[in-house]
Amino acid sequence: GLRDRIWWGAGSQRTAAWAAELGMNLQSSTLINNESDKPFHLQQAEQIQAFHDAWQKAGHDREPRVSVSRSIFPLVDDRDRAYFGRRNQDTDEIGFIDAKTQAIFGRTYAAGPDELISQLKEDQAIAAADTLLLAVPNQLGVDYNAHVIDSILTQLAPALGWR
């Protein structure tokens, strides 16, 4: 029923475990609390593991769902290179949400298809999740975003085993 379709957007390992205890699915976005000096995807994979550990401990009957979000842009034409070809987006960023909470924002994946395939294979949180949500820039319009999604589906997904 409805209970199986409720998702919690956790920002930390603690809130991921809390969601599991309550039987909610986990949605982990491109921004989480910075809980170590590890890269974003490793911290997010640890968050997913904390969720699974708490789920198992809670003894729920069903399999949980886990999704992660990514900004992924295959550079296949001049528009892509103009919008996302800069190399200042390919690292994680750290900042503060408030005076006490340091956050880490996951990098933007933007490169040619072969390079992206290699990079995405290394993302441990994507590997640990069962669902990948794509963060697309709505301000660039429906046609451009359809192009981005089509590029991901045709250029990346088959090589990565995504369905």
N, C-alpha and C. Protein backbone atom coordinates (compact mmCIF):
# COMPACT_ATOMS: atom_id res chain seq x y z
N GLY A 1 0.78 -1.18 0.00
CA GLY A 1 0.00 0.00 0.00
C GLY A 1 0.83 1.26 0.00
N LEU A 2 0.19 2.28 0.48
CA LEU A 2 0.81 3.61 0.51
C LEU A 2 2.11 3.62 1.28
N ARG A 3 2.17 2.91 2.39
CA ARG A 3 3.37 2.90 3.23
C ARG A 3 4.63 2.49 2.44
N ASP A 4 4.47 1.60 1.48
CA ASP A 4 5.60 1.13 0.68
C ASP A 4 6.07 2.17 -0.34
N ARG A 5 5.28 3.22 -0.55
CA ARG A 5 5.61 4.22 -1.56
C ARG A 5 6.02 5.56 -0.95
N ILE A 6 6.30 5.58 0.33
CA ILE A 6 6.74 6.81 0.99
C ILE A 6 8.26 6.87 0.97
N TRP A 7 8.78 8.01 0.56
CA TRP A 7 10.22 8.23 0.45
C TRP A 7 10.64 9.33 1.43
N TRP A 8 11.83 9.18 1.99
CA TRP A 8 12.39 10.21 2.85
C TRP A 8 13.68 10.73 2.23
N GLY A 9 13.79 12.02 2.10
CA GLY A 9 15.00 12.65 1.58
C GLY A 9 15.98 12.90 2.71
N ALA A 10 16.85 11.95 2.97
CA ALA A 10 17.79 12.04 4.09
C ALA A 10 18.98 12.91 3.72
N GLY A 11 19.44 13.68 4.69
CA GLY A 11 20.62 14.51 4.50
C GLY A 11 21.83 14.01 5.24
N SER A 12 21.66 12.97 6.05
CA SER A 12 22.76 12.46 6.86
C SER A 12 22.60 10.96 7.07
N GLN A 13 23.64 10.33 7.60
CA GLN A 13 23.53 8.92 7.94
C GLN A 13 22.46 8.71 9.02
N ARG A 14 22.41 9.63 9.97
CA ARG A 14 21.44 9.51 11.06
C ARG A 14 20.00 9.56 10.53
N THR A 15 19.71 10.50 9.63
CA THR A 15 18.33 10.59 9.12
C THR A 15 18.03 9.46 8.14
N ALA A 16 19.05 8.91 7.48
CA ALA A 16 18.84 7.74 6.62
C ALA A 16 18.46 6.54 7.48
N ALA A 17 19.15 6.35 8.60
CA ALA A 17 18.82 5.24 9.51
C ALA A 17 17.43 5.44 10.11
N TRP A 18 17.08 6.66 10.46
CA TRP A 18 15.76 6.96 11.00
C TRP A 18 14.66 6.60 10.00
N ALA A 19 14.88 6.95 8.73
CA ALA A 19 13.90 6.61 7.69
C ALA A 19 13.73 5.10 7.58
N ALA A 20 14.84 4.37 7.66
CA ALA A 20 14.77 2.91 7.59
C ALA A 20 14.02 2.33 8.78
N GLU A 21 14.27 2.85 9.95
CA GLU A 21 13.57 2.36 11.15
C GLU A 21 12.06 2.49 10.99
N LEU A 22 11.62 3.56 10.32
CA LEU A 22 10.20 3.81 10.12
C LEU A 22 9.64 3.11 8.88
N GLY A 23 10.50 2.46 8.10
CA GLY A 23 10.04 1.72 6.94
C GLY A 23 9.83 2.56 5.69
N MET A 24 10.47 3.73 5.62
CA MET A 24 10.37 4.58 4.43
C MET A 24 11.51 4.25 3.46
N ASN A 25 11.28 4.48 2.17
CA ASN A 25 12.34 4.37 1.18
C ASN A 25 13.28 5.57 1.34
N LEU A 26 14.48 5.44 0.79
CA LEU A 26 15.49 6.49 0.92
C LEU A 26 15.70 7.21 -0.40
N GLN A 27 15.64 8.54 -0.35
CA GLN A 27 16.01 9.37 -1.49
C GLN A 27 17.15 10.25 -1.03
N SER A 28 18.31 10.12 -1.66
CA SER A 28 19.47 10.93 -1.31
C SER A 28 19.82 11.81 -2.50
N SER A 29 19.82 13.09 -2.30
CA SER A 29 19.95 14.04 -3.38
C SER A 29 21.40 14.40 -3.66
N THR A 30 21.61 15.49 -4.36
CA THR A 30 22.96 15.95 -4.70
C THR A 30 23.58 16.80 -3.60
N LEU A 31 22.87 16.96 -2.48
CA LEU A 31 23.36 17.74 -1.35
C LEU A 31 23.09 16.97 -0.07
N ILE A 32 24.15 16.67 0.69
CA ILE A 32 24.02 15.97 1.97
C ILE A 32 24.95 16.64 2.99
N ASN A 33 24.76 16.30 4.26
CA ASN A 33 25.67 16.79 5.28
C ASN A 33 27.07 16.25 5.01
N ASN A 34 28.07 17.08 5.22
CA ASN A 34 29.45 16.66 5.04
C ASN A 34 29.90 16.00 6.35
N GLU A 35 29.96 14.66 6.36
CA GLU A 35 30.22 13.92 7.58
C GLU A 35 31.63 13.34 7.66
N SER A 36 32.45 13.55 6.63
CA SER A 36 33.84 13.08 6.66
C SER A 36 34.63 13.85 5.60
N ASP A 37 35.86 13.46 5.42
CA ASP A 37 36.68 14.10 4.38
C ASP A 37 36.66 13.33 3.07
N LYS A 38 35.74 12.38 2.96
CA LYS A 38 35.64 11.56 1.74
C LYS A 38 34.85 12.30 0.66
N PRO A 39 35.04 11.89 -0.61
CA PRO A 39 34.25 12.49 -1.69
C PRO A 39 32.75 12.24 -1.49
N PHE A 40 31.96 13.07 -2.14
CA PHE A 40 30.50 13.01 -2.02
C PHE A 40 29.95 11.61 -2.26
N HIS A 41 30.34 10.97 -3.36
CA HIS A 41 29.74 9.67 -3.70
C HIS A 41 30.06 8.61 -2.64
N LEU A 42 31.21 8.70 -2.00
CA LEU A 42 31.54 7.74 -0.94
C LEU A 42 30.74 8.02 0.33
N GLN A 43 30.57 9.30 0.67
CA GLN A 43 29.74 9.64 1.82
C GLN A 43 28.29 9.21 1.58
N GLN A 44 27.83 9.40 0.36
CA GLN A 44 26.46 9.00 0.04
C GLN A 44 26.32 7.48 0.08
N ALA A 45 27.33 6.75 -0.39
CA ALA A 45 27.30 5.29 -0.30
C ALA A 45 27.27 4.83 1.16
N GLU A 46 27.98 5.53 2.02
CA GLU A 46 27.94 5.21 3.45
C GLU A 46 26.57 5.50 4.04
N GLN A 47 25.94 6.56 3.57
CA GLN A 47 24.57 6.87 4.00
C GLN A 47 23.62 5.74 3.59
N ILE A 48 23.78 5.25 2.38
CA ILE A 48 22.95 4.14 1.90
C ILE A 48 23.20 2.89 2.74
N GLN A 49 24.46 2.63 3.07
CA GLN A 49 24.77 1.46 3.90
C GLN A 49 24.16 1.59 5.29
N ALA A 50 24.21 2.79 5.87
CA ALA A 50 23.57 3.02 7.18
C ALA A 50 22.07 2.76 7.09
N PHE A 51 21.46 3.17 5.99
CA PHE A 51 20.04 2.92 5.75
C PHE A 51 19.77 1.42 5.70
N HIS A 52 20.54 0.69 4.90
CA HIS A 52 20.32 -0.76 4.77
C HIS A 52 20.56 -1.49 6.10
N ASP A 53 21.58 -1.08 6.84
CA ASP A 53 21.85 -1.70 8.14
C ASP A 53 20.67 -1.49 9.09
N ALA A 54 20.15 -0.27 9.14
CA ALA A 54 19.01 0.04 10.02
C ALA A 54 17.75 -0.69 9.55
N TRP A 55 17.59 -0.82 8.24
CA TRP A 55 16.43 -1.54 7.69
C TRP A 55 16.45 -2.99 8.14
N GLN A 56 17.61 -3.61 8.00
CA GLN A 56 17.75 -5.01 8.39
C GLN A 56 17.51 -5.18 9.90
N LYS A 57 18.07 -4.29 10.69
CA LYS A 57 17.90 -4.35 12.14
C LYS A 57 16.43 -4.18 12.53
N ALA A 58 15.70 -3.34 11.79
CA ALA A 58 14.28 -3.11 12.09
C ALA A 58 13.41 -4.31 11.72
N GLY A 59 13.90 -5.18 10.83
CA GLY A 59 13.18 -6.39 10.49
C GLY A 59 11.97 -6.21 9.59
N HIS A 60 11.99 -5.20 8.74
CA HIS A 60 10.87 -5.00 7.81
C HIS A 60 10.76 -6.17 6.84
N ASP A 61 9.53 -6.45 6.39
CA ASP A 61 9.25 -7.60 5.53
C ASP A 61 9.61 -7.38 4.07
N ARG A 62 9.59 -6.14 3.60
CA ARG A 62 9.81 -5.90 2.18
C ARG A 62 11.24 -5.39 1.92
N GLU A 63 11.59 -5.37 0.65
CA GLU A 63 12.88 -4.81 0.24
C GLU A 63 12.74 -3.29 0.13
N PRO A 64 13.67 -2.53 0.68
CA PRO A 64 13.59 -1.07 0.57
C PRO A 64 14.05 -0.59 -0.79
N ARG A 65 13.63 0.61 -1.13
CA ARG A 65 14.08 1.27 -2.36
C ARG A 65 15.03 2.40 -1.97
N VAL A 66 16.01 2.64 -2.83
CA VAL A 66 16.98 3.71 -2.61
C VAL A 66 17.21 4.43 -3.93
N SER A 67 17.08 5.75 -3.91
CA SER A 67 17.40 6.53 -5.11
C SER A 67 18.44 7.58 -4.77
N VAL A 68 19.26 7.89 -5.76
CA VAL A 68 20.21 8.99 -5.67
C VAL A 68 19.97 9.90 -6.86
N SER A 69 20.34 11.16 -6.70
CA SER A 69 20.20 12.14 -7.78
C SER A 69 21.57 12.53 -8.30
N ARG A 70 21.65 12.78 -9.59
CA ARG A 70 22.88 13.25 -10.21
C ARG A 70 22.55 14.23 -11.32
N SER A 71 23.50 15.14 -11.55
CA SER A 71 23.49 16.02 -12.71
C SER A 71 24.47 15.43 -13.70
N ILE A 72 23.95 14.90 -14.82
CA ILE A 72 24.76 14.20 -15.81
C ILE A 72 24.48 14.80 -17.18
N PHE A 73 25.55 15.24 -17.86
CA PHE A 73 25.40 15.88 -19.15
C PHE A 73 26.42 15.34 -20.15
N PRO A 74 26.00 14.41 -21.01
CA PRO A 74 26.90 13.96 -22.07
C PRO A 74 27.13 15.11 -23.05
N LEU A 75 28.39 15.40 -23.33
CA LEU A 75 28.72 16.48 -24.27
C LEU A 75 28.78 15.88 -25.67
N VAL A 76 27.66 15.99 -26.38
CA VAL A 76 27.57 15.37 -27.71
C VAL A 76 27.38 16.38 -28.84
N ASP A 77 27.09 17.65 -28.49
CA ASP A 77 26.95 18.66 -29.55
C ASP A 77 27.41 20.02 -29.01
N ASP A 78 27.37 21.01 -29.86
CA ASP A 78 27.87 22.34 -29.49
C ASP A 78 27.07 22.97 -28.35
N ARG A 79 25.75 22.71 -28.31
CA ARG A 79 24.94 23.24 -27.20
C ARG A 79 25.42 22.68 -25.87
N ASP A 80 25.64 21.37 -25.83
CA ASP A 80 26.11 20.74 -24.59
C ASP A 80 27.44 21.33 -24.14
N ARG A 81 28.35 21.48 -25.09
CA ARG A 81 29.67 22.03 -24.75
C ARG A 81 29.56 23.48 -24.29
N ALA A 82 28.65 24.24 -24.89
CA ALA A 82 28.47 25.64 -24.49
C ALA A 82 27.90 25.74 -23.07
N TYR A 83 26.91 24.89 -22.76
CA TYR A 83 26.28 24.94 -21.44
C TYR A 83 27.12 24.29 -20.35
N PHE A 84 27.74 23.14 -20.65
CA PHE A 84 28.35 22.34 -19.59
C PHE A 84 29.79 21.93 -19.84
N GLY A 85 30.42 22.50 -20.87
CA GLY A 85 31.78 22.13 -21.20
C GLY A 85 32.86 22.74 -20.32
N ARG A 86 32.48 23.65 -19.44
CA ARG A 86 33.46 24.24 -18.53
C ARG A 86 33.94 23.16 -17.56
N ARG A 87 35.16 23.25 -17.12
CA ARG A 87 35.71 22.25 -16.23
C ARG A 87 35.69 22.70 -14.77
N ASN A 88 34.89 23.67 -14.41
CA ASN A 88 34.84 24.11 -13.02
C ASN A 88 33.70 23.47 -12.25
N GLN A 89 33.01 22.50 -12.84
CA GLN A 89 31.88 21.85 -12.19
C GLN A 89 32.19 20.40 -11.84
N ASP A 90 33.40 19.94 -12.12
CA ASP A 90 33.65 18.51 -12.01
C ASP A 90 34.28 18.08 -10.68
N THR A 91 34.06 18.89 -9.65
CA THR A 91 34.49 18.50 -8.30
C THR A 91 33.33 18.76 -7.33
N ASP A 92 33.36 18.05 -6.22
CA ASP A 92 32.38 18.29 -5.18
C ASP A 92 32.62 19.67 -4.58
N GLU A 93 31.57 20.27 -4.03
CA GLU A 93 31.69 21.57 -3.39
C GLU A 93 31.22 21.46 -1.96
N ILE A 94 31.90 22.17 -1.07
CA ILE A 94 31.55 22.16 0.35
C ILE A 94 31.15 23.57 0.75
N GLY A 95 30.08 23.66 1.55
CA GLY A 95 29.60 24.94 2.04
C GLY A 95 28.80 24.74 3.32
N PHE A 96 28.16 25.78 3.77
CA PHE A 96 27.38 25.71 5.00
C PHE A 96 25.91 25.96 4.72
N ILE A 97 25.05 25.10 5.27
CA ILE A 97 23.61 25.29 5.18
C ILE A 97 23.17 26.31 6.22
N ASP A 98 23.76 26.22 7.39
CA ASP A 98 23.54 27.18 8.47
C ASP A 98 24.84 27.28 9.27
N ALA A 99 24.82 27.97 10.38
CA ALA A 99 26.05 28.21 11.14
C ALA A 99 26.73 26.94 11.63
N LYS A 100 25.96 25.85 11.77
CA LYS A 100 26.52 24.62 12.33
C LYS A 100 26.60 23.46 11.35
N THR A 101 25.95 23.56 10.21
CA THR A 101 25.83 22.41 9.32
C THR A 101 26.62 22.60 8.04
N GLN A 102 27.71 21.85 7.93
CA GLN A 102 28.50 21.86 6.70
C GLN A 102 27.91 20.82 5.75
N ALA A 103 27.77 21.19 4.50
CA ALA A 103 27.18 20.31 3.50
C ALA A 103 28.17 20.07 2.37
N ILE A 104 27.96 18.96 1.67
CA ILE A 104 28.75 18.67 0.48
C ILE A 104 27.77 18.49 -0.68
N PHE A 105 28.07 19.15 -1.77
CA PHE A 105 27.24 19.12 -2.96
C PHE A 105 27.99 18.32 -4.01
N GLY A 106 27.34 17.29 -4.54
CA GLY A 106 27.99 16.42 -5.52
C GLY A 106 28.28 17.13 -6.82
N ARG A 107 29.34 16.71 -7.44
CA ARG A 107 29.82 17.29 -8.69
C ARG A 107 28.79 17.14 -9.81
N THR A 108 28.96 17.92 -10.85
CA THR A 108 28.23 17.75 -12.09
C THR A 108 29.07 16.86 -12.99
N TYR A 109 28.45 15.83 -13.55
CA TYR A 109 29.13 14.97 -14.50
C TYR A 109 28.88 15.53 -15.90
N ALA A 110 29.91 16.04 -16.54
CA ALA A 110 29.79 16.60 -17.89
C ALA A 110 31.07 16.28 -18.65
N ALA A 111 30.94 15.44 -19.66
CA ALA A 111 32.09 15.03 -20.48
C ALA A 111 31.55 14.28 -21.68
N GLY A 112 32.45 13.87 -22.54
CA GLY A 112 32.06 13.03 -23.66
C GLY A 112 31.54 11.69 -23.13
N PRO A 113 30.72 11.00 -23.91
CA PRO A 113 30.11 9.76 -23.44
C PRO A 113 31.10 8.73 -22.89
N ASP A 114 32.21 8.48 -23.58
CA ASP A 114 33.16 7.47 -23.10
C ASP A 114 33.75 7.85 -21.75
N GLU A 115 34.10 9.11 -21.59
CA GLU A 115 34.65 9.57 -20.31
C GLU A 115 33.59 9.49 -19.21
N LEU A 116 32.36 9.87 -19.52
CA LEU A 116 31.28 9.78 -18.53
C LEU A 116 31.04 8.34 -18.09
N ILE A 117 31.05 7.43 -19.02
CA ILE A 117 30.84 6.02 -18.68
C ILE A 117 31.89 5.58 -17.66
N SER A 118 33.13 5.94 -17.91
CA SER A 118 34.21 5.59 -17.00
C SER A 118 34.00 6.23 -15.62
N GLN A 119 33.65 7.51 -15.60
CA GLN A 119 33.43 8.23 -14.33
C GLN A 119 32.25 7.65 -13.56
N LEU A 120 31.16 7.38 -14.23
CA LEU A 120 29.95 6.90 -13.56
C LEU A 120 30.12 5.48 -13.02
N LYS A 121 30.95 4.69 -13.66
CA LYS A 121 31.25 3.36 -13.14
C LYS A 121 31.95 3.43 -11.78
N GLU A 122 32.63 4.53 -11.50
CA GLU A 122 33.35 4.70 -10.24
C GLU A 122 32.48 5.27 -9.11
N ASP A 123 31.28 5.72 -9.43
CA ASP A 123 30.40 6.35 -8.43
C ASP A 123 29.73 5.25 -7.60
N GLN A 124 30.21 5.08 -6.37
CA GLN A 124 29.75 3.98 -5.53
C GLN A 124 28.31 4.15 -5.06
N ALA A 125 27.84 5.37 -4.93
CA ALA A 125 26.45 5.57 -4.51
C ALA A 125 25.48 5.19 -5.63
N ILE A 126 25.82 5.51 -6.86
CA ILE A 126 24.97 5.08 -7.97
C ILE A 126 24.90 3.56 -7.99
N ALA A 127 26.04 2.90 -7.77
CA ALA A 127 26.07 1.44 -7.76
C ALA A 127 25.23 0.87 -6.63
N ALA A 128 25.16 1.56 -5.49
CA ALA A 128 24.43 1.07 -4.33
C ALA A 128 22.92 1.33 -4.41
N ALA A 129 22.51 2.26 -5.25
CA ALA A 129 21.10 2.62 -5.36
C ALA A 129 20.40 1.76 -6.41
N ASP A 130 19.08 1.65 -6.27
CA ASP A 130 18.34 0.94 -7.30
C ASP A 130 17.67 1.89 -8.29
N THR A 131 17.70 3.19 -7.99
CA THR A 131 17.07 4.19 -8.86
C THR A 131 17.97 5.41 -8.95
N LEU A 132 18.12 5.93 -10.15
CA LEU A 132 18.88 7.15 -10.40
C LEU A 132 17.92 8.23 -10.89
N LEU A 133 17.86 9.34 -10.16
CA LEU A 133 17.06 10.49 -10.59
C LEU A 133 18.00 11.48 -11.26
N LEU A 134 17.61 11.98 -12.41
CA LEU A 134 18.42 12.95 -13.13
C LEU A 134 17.96 14.36 -12.79
N ALA A 135 18.89 15.19 -12.35
CA ALA A 135 18.60 16.60 -12.09
C ALA A 135 18.90 17.36 -13.38
N VAL A 136 17.86 17.87 -14.01
CA VAL A 136 18.03 18.59 -15.27
C VAL A 136 17.66 20.06 -15.07
N PRO A 137 18.28 20.95 -15.83
CA PRO A 137 18.05 22.39 -15.66
C PRO A 137 16.77 22.85 -16.37
N ASN A 138 15.69 22.96 -15.64
CA ASN A 138 14.41 23.31 -16.27
C ASN A 138 14.46 24.65 -17.00
N GLN A 139 15.35 25.54 -16.59
CA GLN A 139 15.41 26.85 -17.25
C GLN A 139 15.93 26.75 -18.68
N LEU A 140 16.50 25.60 -19.08
CA LEU A 140 16.96 25.43 -20.46
C LEU A 140 15.87 24.86 -21.37
N GLY A 141 14.71 24.57 -20.81
CA GLY A 141 13.56 24.19 -21.62
C GLY A 141 13.39 22.70 -21.84
N VAL A 142 12.18 22.36 -22.24
CA VAL A 142 11.80 20.97 -22.43
C VAL A 142 12.60 20.33 -23.56
N ASP A 143 12.76 21.00 -24.68
CA ASP A 143 13.46 20.41 -25.82
C ASP A 143 14.91 20.07 -25.47
N TYR A 144 15.59 20.99 -24.80
CA TYR A 144 16.98 20.71 -24.44
C TYR A 144 17.06 19.55 -23.44
N ASN A 145 16.19 19.55 -22.45
CA ASN A 145 16.23 18.47 -21.46
C ASN A 145 15.86 17.12 -22.07
N ALA A 146 14.96 17.11 -23.04
CA ALA A 146 14.66 15.86 -23.75
C ALA A 146 15.91 15.38 -24.48
N HIS A 147 16.67 16.30 -25.04
CA HIS A 147 17.94 15.96 -25.70
C HIS A 147 18.92 15.35 -24.69
N VAL A 148 19.05 15.96 -23.51
CA VAL A 148 19.97 15.44 -22.48
C VAL A 148 19.56 14.03 -22.06
N ILE A 149 18.28 13.85 -21.79
CA ILE A 149 17.80 12.53 -21.36
C ILE A 149 17.99 11.50 -22.47
N ASP A 150 17.70 11.88 -23.71
CA ASP A 150 17.92 10.98 -24.83
C ASP A 150 19.40 10.60 -24.94
N SER A 151 20.29 11.56 -24.77
CA SER A 151 21.73 11.27 -24.83
C SER A 151 22.13 10.29 -23.74
N ILE A 152 21.58 10.46 -22.54
CA ILE A 152 21.89 9.53 -21.44
C ILE A 152 21.37 8.14 -21.77
N LEU A 153 20.13 8.07 -22.28
CA LEU A 153 19.53 6.77 -22.57
C LEU A 153 20.23 6.04 -23.72
N THR A 154 20.69 6.78 -24.72
CA THR A 154 21.29 6.13 -25.88
C THR A 154 22.81 6.02 -25.80
N GLN A 155 23.47 6.99 -25.17
CA GLN A 155 24.93 7.02 -25.16
C GLN A 155 25.55 6.37 -23.91
N LEU A 156 24.83 6.44 -22.77
CA LEU A 156 25.41 5.98 -21.50
C LEU A 156 24.75 4.72 -20.96
N ALA A 157 23.44 4.74 -20.88
CA ALA A 157 22.71 3.67 -20.20
C ALA A 157 23.07 2.27 -20.69
N PRO A 158 23.12 2.01 -21.99
CA PRO A 158 23.45 0.64 -22.41
C PRO A 158 24.83 0.17 -21.93
N ALA A 159 25.82 1.07 -21.99
CA ALA A 159 27.18 0.69 -21.59
C ALA A 159 27.31 0.50 -20.07
N LEU A 160 26.40 1.15 -19.32
CA LEU A 160 26.44 1.05 -17.85
C LEU A 160 25.49 -0.04 -17.32
N GLY A 161 24.74 -0.66 -18.21
CA GLY A 161 23.80 -1.69 -17.78
C GLY A 161 22.55 -1.14 -17.12
N TRP A 162 22.28 0.16 -17.36
CA TRP A 162 21.08 0.77 -16.79
C TRP A 162 19.89 0.41 -17.65
N ARG A 163 18.76 0.21 -17.00
CA ARG A 163 17.54 -0.07 -17.74
C ARG A 163 16.45 0.86 -17.30
